[in-house]
PDB file of N, CA and C in Angstrom:
ATOM      1  N   MET A   1     -26.438   8.052  -3.446  1.00  0.00           N
ATOM      2  CA  MET A   1     -25.154   7.930  -2.773  1.00  0.00           C
ATOM      3  C   MET A   1     -24.788   6.445  -2.697  1.00  0.00           C
ATOM      4  N   SER A   2     -23.568   6.100  -3.122  1.00  0.00           N
ATOM      5  CA  SER A   2     -23.081   4.719  -3.099  1.00  0.00           C
ATOM      6  C   SER A   2     -22.118   4.529  -1.934  1.00  0.00           C
ATOM      7  N   HIS A   3     -21.899   3.270  -1.583  1.00  0.00           N
ATOM      8  CA  HIS A   3     -21.055   2.942  -0.430  1.00  0.00           C
ATOM      9  C   HIS A   3     -20.071   1.833  -0.765  1.00  0.00           C
ATOM     10  N   ILE A   4     -18.926   1.867  -0.101  1.00  0.00           N
ATOM     11  CA  ILE A   4     -17.990   0.741  -0.032  1.00  0.00           C
ATOM     12  C   ILE A   4     -17.790   0.487   1.457  1.00  0.00           C
ATOM     13  N   TYR A   5     -17.944  -0.752   1.862  1.00  0.00           N
ATOM     14  CA  TYR A   5     -17.751  -1.132   3.258  1.00  0.00           C
ATOM     15  C   TYR A   5     -16.324  -1.651   3.396  1.00  0.00           C
ATOM     16  N   TYR A   6     -15.584  -1.122   4.365  1.00  0.00           N
ATOM     17  CA  TYR A   6     -14.204  -1.566   4.528  1.00  0.00           C
ATOM     18  C   TYR A   6     -13.885  -1.832   5.992  1.00  0.00           C
ATOM     19  N   LYS A   7     -12.868  -2.672   6.169  1.00  0.00           N
ATOM     20  CA  LYS A   7     -12.387  -3.023   7.496  1.00  0.00           C
ATOM     21  C   LYS A   7     -10.885  -3.229   7.397  1.00  0.00           C
ATOM     22  N   PHE A   8     -10.143  -2.594   8.304  1.00  0.00           N
ATOM     23  CA  PHE A   8      -8.709  -2.872   8.358  1.00  0.00           C
ATOM     24  C   PHE A   8      -8.524  -4.283   8.879  1.00  0.00           C
ATOM     25  N   GLN A   9      -7.541  -4.990   8.343  1.00  0.00           N
ATOM     26  CA  GLN A   9      -7.324  -6.388   8.713  1.00  0.00           C
ATOM     27  C   GLN A   9      -7.084  -6.535  10.211  1.00  0.00           C
ATOM     28  N   SER A  10      -6.446  -5.563  10.822  1.00  0.00           N
ATOM     29  CA  SER A  10      -6.105  -5.646  12.244  1.00  0.00           C
ATOM     30  C   SER A  10      -7.225  -5.139  13.154  1.00  0.00           C
ATOM     31  N   SER A  11      -8.372  -4.791  12.586  1.00  0.00           N
ATOM     32  CA  SER A  11      -9.455  -4.199  13.366  1.00  0.00           C
ATOM     33  C   SER A  11     -10.720  -5.053  13.278  1.00  0.00           C
ATOM     34  N   ASN A  12     -11.567  -4.915  14.263  1.00  0.00           N
ATOM     35  CA  ASN A  12     -12.863  -5.581  14.235  1.00  0.00           C
ATOM     36  C   ASN A  12     -13.965  -4.654  13.758  1.00  0.00           C
ATOM     37  N   ASP A  13     -13.665  -3.358  13.656  1.00  0.00           N
ATOM     38  CA  ASP A  13     -14.661  -2.362  13.300  1.00  0.00           C
ATOM     39  C   ASP A  13     -14.749  -2.181  11.786  1.00  0.00           C
ATOM     40  N   HIS A  14     -15.973  -2.108  11.290  1.00  0.00           N
ATOM     41  CA  HIS A  14     -16.219  -1.818   9.880  1.00  0.00           C
ATOM     42  C   HIS A  14     -16.531  -0.335   9.738  1.00  0.00           C
ATOM     43  N   ASP A  15     -16.238   0.196   8.568  1.00  0.00           N
ATOM     44  CA  ASP A  15     -16.539   1.596   8.296  1.00  0.00           C
ATOM     45  C   ASP A  15     -17.064   1.700   6.870  1.00  0.00           C
ATOM     46  N   ILE A  16     -17.541   2.868   6.502  1.00  0.00           N
ATOM     47  CA  ILE A  16     -18.152   3.074   5.191  1.00  0.00           C
ATOM     48  C   ILE A  16     -17.505   4.277   4.504  1.00  0.00           C
ATOM     49  N   VAL A  17     -17.255   4.137   3.214  1.00  0.00           N
ATOM     50  CA  VAL A  17     -16.833   5.247   2.364  1.00  0.00           C
ATOM     51  C   VAL A  17     -17.998   5.544   1.430  1.00  0.00           C
ATOM     52  N   LYS A  18     -18.410   6.795   1.368  1.00  0.00           N
ATOM     53  CA  LYS A  18     -19.509   7.201   0.502  1.00  0.00           C
ATOM     54  C   LYS A  18     -18.965   7.920  -0.730  1.00  0.00           C
ATOM     55  N   PHE A  19     -19.588   7.660  -1.876  1.00  0.00           N
ATOM     56  CA  PHE A  19     -19.180   8.295  -3.124  1.00  0.00           C
ATOM     57  C   PHE A  19     -20.362   8.321  -4.082  1.00  0.00           C
ATOM     58  N   ASP A  20     -20.237   9.086  -5.137  1.00  0.00           N
ATOM     59  CA  ASP A  20     -21.277   9.151  -6.169  1.00  0.00           C
ATOM     60  C   ASP A  20     -20.886   8.234  -7.319  1.00  0.00           C
ATOM     61  N   GLY A  21     -21.866   7.553  -7.899  1.00  0.00           N
ATOM     62  CA  GLY A  21     -21.616   6.713  -9.060  1.00  0.00           C
ATOM     63  C   GLY A  21     -21.844   5.241  -8.762  1.00  0.00           C
ATOM     64  N   LEU A  22     -21.615   4.429  -9.789  1.00  0.00           N
ATOM     65  CA  LEU A  22     -21.821   2.988  -9.672  1.00  0.00           C
ATOM     66  C   LEU A  22     -20.577   2.247  -9.206  1.00  0.00           C
ATOM     67  N   SER A  23     -19.415   2.887  -9.363  1.00  0.00           N
ATOM     68  CA  SER A  23     -18.154   2.264  -8.951  1.00  0.00           C
ATOM     69  C   SER A  23     -17.151   3.361  -8.618  1.00  0.00           C
ATOM     70  N   ILE A  24     -16.036   2.941  -8.023  1.00  0.00           N
ATOM     71  CA  ILE A  24     -14.978   3.873  -7.642  1.00  0.00           C
ATOM     72  C   ILE A  24     -13.638   3.247  -8.018  1.00  0.00           C
ATOM     73  N   SER A  25     -12.700   4.074  -8.454  1.00  0.00           N
ATOM     74  CA  SER A  25     -11.377   3.537  -8.806  1.00  0.00           C
ATOM     75  C   SER A  25     -10.609   3.202  -7.534  1.00  0.00           C
ATOM     76  N   LEU A  26      -9.662   2.308  -7.667  1.00  0.00           N
ATOM     77  CA  LEU A  26      -8.851   1.892  -6.522  1.00  0.00           C
ATOM     78  C   LEU A  26      -8.109   3.080  -5.924  1.00  0.00           C
ATOM     79  N   THR A  27      -7.586   3.963  -6.771  1.00  0.00           N
ATOM     80  CA  THR A  27      -6.866   5.140  -6.294  1.00  0.00           C
ATOM     81  C   THR A  27      -7.764   6.040  -5.454  1.00  0.00           C
ATOM     82  N   GLU A  28      -8.973   6.285  -5.946  1.00  0.00           N
ATOM     83  CA  GLU A  28      -9.906   7.129  -5.202  1.00  0.00           C
ATOM     84  C   GLU A  28     -10.299   6.488  -3.878  1.00  0.00           C
ATOM     85  N   LEU A  29     -10.538   5.174  -3.896  1.00  0.00           N
ATOM     86  CA  LEU A  29     -10.916   4.471  -2.671  1.00  0.00           C
ATOM     87  C   LEU A  29      -9.807   4.563  -1.631  1.00  0.00           C
ATOM     88  N   LYS A  30      -8.568   4.336  -2.053  1.00  0.00           N
ATOM     89  CA  LYS A  30      -7.445   4.438  -1.117  1.00  0.00           C
ATOM     90  C   LYS A  30      -7.349   5.839  -0.524  1.00  0.00           C
ATOM     91  N   SER A  31      -7.533   6.856  -1.354  1.00  0.00           N
ATOM     92  CA  SER A  31      -7.468   8.239  -0.874  1.00  0.00           C
ATOM     93  C   SER A  31      -8.551   8.517   0.159  1.00  0.00           C
ATOM     94  N   LEU A  32      -9.775   8.058  -0.109  1.00  0.00           N
ATOM     95  CA  LEU A  32     -10.869   8.279   0.832  1.00  0.00           C
ATOM     96  C   LEU A  32     -10.649   7.540   2.151  1.00  0.00           C
ATOM     97  N   ILE A  33     -10.132   6.317   2.066  1.00  0.00           N
ATOM     98  CA  ILE A  33      -9.864   5.545   3.286  1.00  0.00           C
ATOM     99  C   ILE A  33      -8.765   6.205   4.100  1.00  0.00           C
ATOM    100  N   LEU A  34      -7.688   6.642   3.438  1.00  0.00           N
ATOM    101  CA  LEU A  34      -6.601   7.317   4.156  1.00  0.00           C
ATOM    102  C   LEU A  34      -7.089   8.591   4.828  1.00  0.00           C
ATOM    103  N   ALA A  35      -7.904   9.362   4.115  1.00  0.00           N
ATOM    104  CA  ALA A  35      -8.418  10.612   4.686  1.00  0.00           C
ATOM    105  C   ALA A  35      -9.325  10.333   5.877  1.00  0.00           C
ATOM    106  N   LYS A  36     -10.133   9.302   5.771  1.00  0.00           N
ATOM    107  CA  LYS A  36     -11.069   8.983   6.847  1.00  0.00           C
ATOM    108  C   LYS A  36     -10.356   8.392   8.058  1.00  0.00           C
ATOM    109  N   SER A  37      -9.259   7.684   7.830  1.00  0.00           N
ATOM    110  CA  SER A  37      -8.526   7.051   8.942  1.00  0.00           C
ATOM    111  C   SER A  37      -7.473   7.975   9.538  1.00  0.00           C
ATOM    112  N   LYS A  38      -7.350   9.181   9.011  1.00  0.00           N
ATOM    113  CA  LYS A  38      -6.472  10.223   9.548  1.00  0.00           C
ATOM    114  C   LYS A  38      -4.995   9.867   9.496  1.00  0.00           C
ATOM    115  N   VAL A  39      -4.582   9.108   8.495  1.00  0.00           N
ATOM    116  CA  VAL A  39      -3.165   8.812   8.296  1.00  0.00           C
ATOM    117  C   VAL A  39      -2.732   9.242   6.894  1.00  0.00           C
ATOM    118  N   ALA A  40      -3.384  10.234   6.349  1.00  0.00           N
ATOM    119  CA  ALA A  40      -3.148  10.649   4.968  1.00  0.00           C
ATOM    120  C   ALA A  40      -1.738  11.178   4.727  1.00  0.00           C
ATOM    121  N   GLY A  41      -1.073  11.727   5.741  1.00  0.00           N
ATOM    122  CA  GLY A  41       0.245  12.310   5.546  1.00  0.00           C
ATOM    123  C   GLY A  41       1.384  11.305   5.551  1.00  0.00           C
ATOM    124  N   SER A  42       1.151  10.094   5.976  1.00  0.00           N
ATOM    125  CA  SER A  42       2.210   9.104   6.086  1.00  0.00           C
ATOM    126  C   SER A  42       2.530   8.502   4.724  1.00  0.00           C
ATOM    127  N   THR A  43       3.832   8.355   4.440  1.00  0.00           N
ATOM    128  CA  THR A  43       4.248   7.800   3.155  1.00  0.00           C
ATOM    129  C   THR A  43       5.066   6.526   3.305  1.00  0.00           C
ATOM    130  N   ASP A  44       5.153   5.976   4.520  1.00  0.00           N
ATOM    131  CA  ASP A  44       5.968   4.783   4.722  1.00  0.00           C
ATOM    132  C   ASP A  44       5.196   3.493   4.489  1.00  0.00           C
ATOM    133  N   PHE A  45       3.944   3.598   4.084  1.00  0.00           N
ATOM    134  CA  PHE A  45       3.166   2.411   3.770  1.00  0.00           C
ATOM    135  C   PHE A  45       2.166   2.727   2.663  1.00  0.00           C
ATOM    136  N   SER A  46       1.646   1.655   2.066  1.00  0.00           N
ATOM    137  CA  SER A  46       0.594   1.765   1.071  1.00  0.00           C
ATOM    138  C   SER A  46      -0.561   0.902   1.549  1.00  0.00           C
ATOM    139  N   LEU A  47      -1.692   1.005   0.909  1.00  0.00           N
ATOM    140  CA  LEU A  47      -2.840   0.184   1.277  1.00  0.00           C
ATOM    141  C   LEU A  47      -3.054  -0.903   0.230  1.00  0.00           C
ATOM    142  N   GLN A  48      -3.265  -2.113   0.714  1.00  0.00           N
ATOM    143  CA  GLN A  48      -3.640  -3.222  -0.160  1.00  0.00           C
ATOM    144  C   GLN A  48      -5.120  -3.479   0.075  1.00  0.00           C
ATOM    145  N   ILE A  49      -5.900  -3.458  -0.993  1.00  0.00           N
ATOM    146  CA  ILE A  49      -7.346  -3.618  -0.904  1.00  0.00           C
ATOM    147  C   ILE A  49      -7.720  -4.992  -1.451  1.00  0.00           C
ATOM    148  N   THR A  50      -8.464  -5.767  -0.643  1.00  0.00           N
ATOM    149  CA  THR A  50      -8.867  -7.116  -1.015  1.00  0.00           C
ATOM    150  C   THR A  50     -10.382  -7.232  -0.909  1.00  0.00           C
ATOM    151  N   ASN A  51     -11.014  -7.814  -1.908  1.00  0.00           N
ATOM    152  CA  ASN A  51     -12.445  -8.062  -1.858  1.00  0.00           C
ATOM    153  C   ASN A  51     -12.719  -9.060  -0.735  1.00  0.00           C
ATOM    154  N   ALA A  52     -13.592  -8.711   0.203  1.00  0.00           N
ATOM    155  CA  ALA A  52     -13.830  -9.545   1.381  1.00  0.00           C
ATOM    156  C   ALA A  52     -14.511 -10.869   1.030  1.00  0.00           C
ATOM    157  N   GLN A  53     -15.312 -10.903  -0.027  1.00  0.00           N
ATOM    158  CA  GLN A  53     -16.006 -12.140  -0.392  1.00  0.00           C
ATOM    159  C   GLN A  53     -15.159 -13.046  -1.285  1.00  0.00           C
ATOM    160  N   THR A  54     -14.565 -12.479  -2.327  1.00  0.00           N
ATOM    161  CA  THR A  54     -13.844 -13.294  -3.314  1.00  0.00           C
ATOM    162  C   THR A  54     -12.355 -13.430  -3.011  1.00  0.00           C
ATOM    163  N   LYS A  55     -11.844 -12.635  -2.082  1.00  0.00           N
ATOM    164  CA  LYS A  55     -10.413 -12.605  -1.727  1.00  0.00           C
ATOM    165  C   LYS A  55      -9.531 -12.115  -2.871  1.00  0.00           C
ATOM    166  N   GLU A  56     -10.125 -11.467  -3.873  1.00  0.00           N
ATOM    167  CA  GLU A  56      -9.362 -10.894  -4.980  1.00  0.00           C
ATOM    168  C   GLU A  56      -8.645  -9.636  -4.497  1.00  0.00           C
ATOM    169  N   VAL A  57      -7.344  -9.570  -4.757  1.00  0.00           N
ATOM    170  CA  VAL A  57      -6.564  -8.390  -4.403  1.00  0.00           C
ATOM    171  C   VAL A  57      -6.602  -7.436  -5.588  1.00  0.00           C
ATOM    172  N   TYR A  58      -7.058  -6.207  -5.332  1.00  0.00           N
ATOM    173  CA  TYR A  58      -7.087  -5.189  -6.376  1.00  0.00           C
ATOM    174  C   TYR A  58      -5.679  -4.610  -6.500  1.00  0.00           C
ATOM    175  N   LYS A  59      -5.072  -4.734  -7.691  1.00  0.00           N
ATOM    176  CA  LYS A  59      -3.679  -4.312  -7.872  1.00  0.00           C
ATOM    177  C   LYS A  59      -3.530  -3.097  -8.774  1.00  0.00           C
ATOM    178  N   ASN A  60      -4.350  -2.993  -9.790  1.00  0.00           N
ATOM    179  CA  ASN A  60      -4.232  -1.914 -10.765  1.00  0.00           C
ATOM    180  C   ASN A  60      -4.970  -0.687 -10.238  1.00  0.00           C
ATOM    181  N   ASP A  61      -4.291   0.454 -10.192  1.00  0.00           N
ATOM    182  CA  ASP A  61      -4.904   1.673  -9.659  1.00  0.00           C
ATOM    183  C   ASP A  61      -6.156   2.097 -10.406  1.00  0.00           C
ATOM    184  N   SER A  62      -6.323   1.649 -11.636  1.00  0.00           N
ATOM    185  CA  SER A  62      -7.514   2.014 -12.399  1.00  0.00           C
ATOM    186  C   SER A  62      -8.642   0.987 -12.251  1.00  0.00           C
ATOM    187  N   ASP A  63      -8.420  -0.076 -11.445  1.00  0.00           N
ATOM    188  CA  ASP A  63      -9.490  -1.054 -11.203  1.00  0.00           C
ATOM    189  C   ASP A  63     -10.707  -0.347 -10.635  1.00  0.00           C
ATOM    190  N   LEU A  64     -11.889  -0.739 -11.107  1.00  0.00           N
ATOM    191  CA  LEU A  64     -13.128  -0.160 -10.608  1.00  0.00           C
ATOM    192  C   LEU A  64     -13.766  -1.130  -9.623  1.00  0.00           C
ATOM    193  N   ILE A  65     -14.115  -0.617  -8.460  1.00  0.00           N
ATOM    194  CA  ILE A  65     -14.723  -1.420  -7.420  1.00  0.00           C
ATOM    195  C   ILE A  65     -16.205  -1.039  -7.371  1.00  0.00           C
ATOM    196  N   PRO A  66     -17.110  -2.016  -7.581  1.00  0.00           N
ATOM    197  CA  PRO A  66     -18.532  -1.698  -7.630  1.00  0.00           C
ATOM    198  C   PRO A  66     -19.074  -1.244  -6.278  1.00  0.00           C
ATOM    199  N   LYS A  67     -20.136  -0.454  -6.329  1.00  0.00           N
ATOM    200  CA  LYS A  67     -20.771   0.010  -5.098  1.00  0.00           C
ATOM    201  C   LYS A  67     -21.256  -1.182  -4.278  1.00  0.00           C
ATOM    202  N   ASN A  68     -21.398  -0.976  -2.980  1.00  0.00           N
ATOM    203  CA  ASN A  68     -21.858  -1.974  -2.019  1.00  0.00           C
ATOM    204  C   ASN A  68     -20.910  -3.167  -1.864  1.00  0.00           C
ATOM    205  N   THR A  69     -19.653  -3.008  -2.253  1.00  0.00           N
ATOM    206  CA  THR A  69     -18.657  -4.060  -2.084  1.00  0.00           C
ATOM    207  C   THR A  69     -18.046  -3.943  -0.696  1.00  0.00           C
ATOM    208  N   SER A  70     -17.741  -5.090  -0.088  1.00  0.00           N
ATOM    209  CA  SER A  70     -17.019  -5.114   1.185  1.00  0.00           C
ATOM    210  C   SER A  70     -15.566  -5.461   0.902  1.00  0.00           C
ATOM    211  N   VAL A  71     -14.642  -4.666   1.460  1.00  0.00           N
ATOM    212  CA  VAL A  71     -13.220  -4.903   1.238  1.00  0.00           C
ATOM    213  C   VAL A  71     -12.471  -4.951   2.561  1.00  0.00           C
ATOM    214  N   THR A  72     -11.339  -5.631   2.540  1.00  0.00           N
ATOM    215  CA  THR A  72     -10.417  -5.661   3.666  1.00  0.00           C
ATOM    216  C   THR A  72      -9.208  -4.831   3.284  1.00  0.00           C
ATOM    217  N   VAL A  73      -8.760  -3.992   4.212  1.00  0.00           N
ATOM    218  CA  VAL A  73      -7.648  -3.085   3.959  1.00  0.00           C
ATOM    219  C   VAL A  73      -6.458  -3.521   4.795  1.00  0.00           C
ATOM    220  N   THR A  74      -5.307  -3.654   4.154  1.00  0.00           N
ATOM    221  CA  THR A  74      -4.076  -4.030   4.832  1.00  0.00           C
ATOM    222  C   THR A  74      -3.012  -2.989   4.527  1.00  0.00           C
ATOM    223  N   ARG A  75      -2.280  -2.569   5.550  1.00  0.00           N
ATOM    224  CA  ARG A  75      -1.145  -1.670   5.316  1.00  0.00           C
ATOM    225  C   ARG A  75       0.057  -2.512   4.916  1.00  0.00           C
ATOM    226  N   VAL A  76       0.716  -2.121   3.843  1.00  0.00           N
ATOM    227  CA  VAL A  76       1.916  -2.812   3.377  1.00  0.00           C
ATOM    228  C   VAL A  76       3.038  -1.792   3.240  1.00  0.00           C
ATOM    229  N   PRO A  77       4.270  -2.169   3.618  1.00  0.00           N
ATOM    230  CA  PRO A  77       5.379  -1.211   3.525  1.00  0.00           C
ATOM    231  C   PRO A  77       5.714  -0.878   2.080  1.00  0.00           C
ATOM    232  N   VAL A  78       6.138   0.350   1.892  1.00  0.00           N
ATOM    233  CA  VAL A  78       6.585   0.807   0.578  1.00  0.00           C
ATOM    234  C   VAL A  78       8.092   0.593   0.517  1.00  0.00           C
ATOM    235  N   PRO A  79       8.590  -0.086  -0.528  1.00  0.00           N
ATOM    236  CA  PRO A  79      10.035  -0.278  -0.616  1.00  0.00           C
ATOM    237  C   PRO A  79      10.763   1.052  -0.746  1.00  0.00           C
ATOM    238  N   LYS A  80      11.934   1.129  -0.118  1.00  0.00           N
ATOM    239  CA  LYS A  80      12.708   2.367  -0.162  1.00  0.00           C
ATOM    240  C   LYS A  80      13.232   2.600  -1.575  1.00  0.00           C
ATOM    241  N   VAL A  81      13.078   3.804  -2.028  1.00  0.00           N
ATOM    242  CA  VAL A  81      13.589   4.211  -3.332  1.00  0.00           C
ATOM    243  C   VAL A  81      14.820   5.065  -3.080  1.00  0.00           C
ATOM    244  N   TYR A  82      15.937   4.691  -3.699  1.00  0.00           N
ATOM    245  CA  TYR A  82      17.164   5.442  -3.511  1.00  0.00           C
ATOM    246  C   TYR A  82      17.124   6.716  -4.346  1.00  0.00           C
ATOM    247  N   LYS A  83      17.427   7.821  -3.695  1.00  0.00           N
ATOM    248  CA  LYS A  83      17.408   9.104  -4.382  1.00  0.00           C
ATOM    249  C   LYS A  83      18.680   9.866  -4.039  1.00  0.00           C
ATOM    250  N   GLY A  84      19.215  10.533  -5.002  1.00  0.00           N
ATOM    251  CA  GLY A  84      20.344  11.406  -4.764  1.00  0.00           C
ATOM    252  C   GLY A  84      21.673  10.676  -4.693  1.00  0.00           C
ATOM    253  N   GLU A  85      22.737  11.452  -4.720  1.00  0.00           N
ATOM    254  CA  GLU A  85      24.083  10.895  -4.727  1.00  0.00           C
ATOM    255  C   GLU A  85      24.443  10.247  -3.397  1.00  0.00           C
ATOM    256  N   GLU A  86      23.929  10.770  -2.291  1.00  0.00           N
ATOM    257  CA  GLU A  86      24.268  10.218  -0.980  1.00  0.00           C
ATOM    258  C   GLU A  86      23.796   8.776  -0.867  1.00  0.00           C
ATOM    259  N   ASP A  87      22.572   8.467  -1.287  1.00  0.00           N
ATOM    260  CA  ASP A  87      22.068   7.106  -1.244  1.00  0.00           C
ATOM    261  C   ASP A  87      22.858   6.196  -2.171  1.00  0.00           C
ATOM    262  N   VAL A  88      23.184   6.679  -3.361  1.00  0.00           N
ATOM    263  CA  VAL A  88      23.960   5.883  -4.315  1.00  0.00           C
ATOM    264  C   VAL A  88      25.329   5.572  -3.726  1.00  0.00           C
ATOM    265  N   GLU A  89      25.956   6.566  -3.081  1.00  0.00           N
ATOM    266  CA  GLU A  89      27.264   6.362  -2.465  1.00  0.00           C
ATOM    267  C   GLU A  89      27.177   5.334  -1.334  1.00  0.00           C
ATOM    268  N   ASN A  90      26.121   5.387  -0.526  1.00  0.00           N
ATOM    269  CA  ASN A  90      25.954   4.406   0.555  1.00  0.00           C
ATOM    270  C   ASN A  90      25.778   2.998   0.004  1.00  0.00           C
ATOM    271  N   VAL A  91      25.012   2.851  -1.057  1.00  0.00           N
ATOM    272  CA  VAL A  91      24.822   1.534  -1.673  1.00  0.00           C
ATOM    273  C   VAL A  91      26.148   1.036  -2.233  1.00  0.00           C
ATOM    274  N   ARG A  92      26.905   1.913  -2.887  1.00  0.00           N
ATOM    275  CA  ARG A  92      28.209   1.523  -3.446  1.00  0.00           C
ATOM    276  C   ARG A  92      29.141   1.036  -2.349  1.00  0.00           C
ATOM    277  N   LYS A  93      29.167   1.743  -1.213  1.00  0.00           N
ATOM    278  CA  LYS A  93      30.014   1.336  -0.085  1.00  0.00           C
ATOM    279  C   LYS A  93      29.578  -0.014   0.472  1.00  0.00           C
ATOM    280  N   GLN A  94      28.270  -0.246   0.547  1.00  0.00           N
ATOM    281  CA  GLN A  94      27.787  -1.530   1.053  1.00  0.00           C
ATOM    282  C   GLN A  94      28.182  -2.668   0.125  1.00  0.00           C
ATOM    283  N   ILE A  95      28.109  -2.426  -1.180  1.00  0.00           N
ATOM    284  CA  ILE A  95      28.496  -3.459  -2.148  1.00  0.00           C
ATOM    285  C   ILE A  95      29.990  -3.752  -2.037  1.00  0.00           C
ATOM    286  N   ILE A  96      30.806  -2.722  -1.979  1.00  0.00           N
ATOM    287  CA  ILE A  96      32.259  -2.912  -1.861  1.00  0.00           C
ATOM    288  C   ILE A  96      32.598  -3.639  -0.563  1.00  0.00           C
ATOM    289  N   HIS A  97      31.943  -3.251   0.537  1.00  0.00           N
ATOM    290  CA  HIS A  97      32.187  -3.907   1.819  1.00  0.00           C
ATOM    291  C   HIS A  97      31.790  -5.380   1.740  1.00  0.00           C
ATOM    292  N   GLY A  98      30.649  -5.669   1.100  1.00  0.00           N
ATOM    293  CA  GLY A  98      30.193  -7.055   0.961  1.00  0.00           C
ATOM    294  C   GLY A  98      31.168  -7.880   0.135  1.00  0.00           C
ATOM    295  N   LEU A  99      31.691  -7.300  -0.956  1.00  0.00           N
ATOM    296  CA  LEU A  99      32.673  -8.008  -1.785  1.00  0.00           C
ATOM    297  C   LEU A  99      33.966  -8.239  -1.018  1.00  0.00           C
ATOM    298  N   TRP A 100      34.392  -7.237  -0.248  1.00  0.00           N
ATOM    299  CA  TRP A 100      35.610  -7.378   0.535  1.00  0.00           C
ATOM    300  C   TRP A 100      35.450  -8.494   1.559  1.00  0.00           C
ATOM    301  N   CYS A 101      34.293  -8.555   2.212  1.00  0.00           N
ATOM    302  CA  CYS A 101      34.039  -9.612   3.192  1.00  0.00           C
ATOM    303  C   CYS A 101      34.059 -10.987   2.533  1.00  0.00           C
ATOM    304  N   LEU A 102      33.492 -11.100   1.330  1.00  0.00           N
ATOM    305  CA  LEU A 102      33.505 -12.373   0.620  1.00  0.00           C
ATOM    306  C   LEU A 102      34.929 -12.791   0.260  1.00  0.00           C
ATOM    307  N   MET A 103      35.753 -11.832  -0.169  1.00  0.00           N
ATOM    308  CA  MET A 103      37.139 -12.130  -0.514  1.00  0.00           C
ATOM    309  C   MET A 103      37.900 -12.562   0.742  1.00  0.00           C
ATOM    310  N   PHE A 104      37.688 -11.885   1.855  1.00  0.00           N
ATOM    311  CA  PHE A 104      38.391 -12.197   3.091  1.00  0.00           C
ATOM    312  C   PHE A 104      38.016 -13.585   3.605  1.00  0.00           C
ATOM    313  N   VAL A 105      36.754 -13.941   3.520  1.00  0.00           N
ATOM    314  CA  VAL A 105      36.290 -15.236   3.997  1.00  0.00           C
ATOM    315  C   VAL A 105      36.814 -16.354   3.113  1.00  0.00           C
ATOM    316  N   SER A 106      36.941 -16.122   1.817  1.00  0.00           N
ATOM    317  CA  SER A 106      37.362 -17.169   0.897  1.00  0.00           C
ATOM    318  C   SER A 106      38.876 -17.412   0.923  1.00  0.00           C
ATOM    319  N   ILE A 107      39.650 -16.550   1.584  1.00  0.00           N
ATOM    320  CA  ILE A 107      41.104 -16.723   1.635  1.00  0.00           C
ATOM    321  C   ILE A 107      41.488 -17.773   2.629  1.00  0.00           C
TER     322      ILE A 107
END
């Protein structure tokens, strides 16, 4: 059984994720941490994983993290993705309003 030691940046407590093998992918590690921290259903943030010793930020979901590594976990907001006609219409109105304000100020 292999381990990854992790700590949320805002916490003083360390925890352990157990897995089989010599390494774990970043995607799998994030899933295990979310499940263990009981926030798996939330979609308004993502996890940023940083090697605690080297300060390397793991960015590629296929990155392999070796067993017995210590990492720091930070929650980062997920940018809003516009979906559907309603969001597109709201963005269009904001752009038109912004242009109108610029024209009014420049007069």
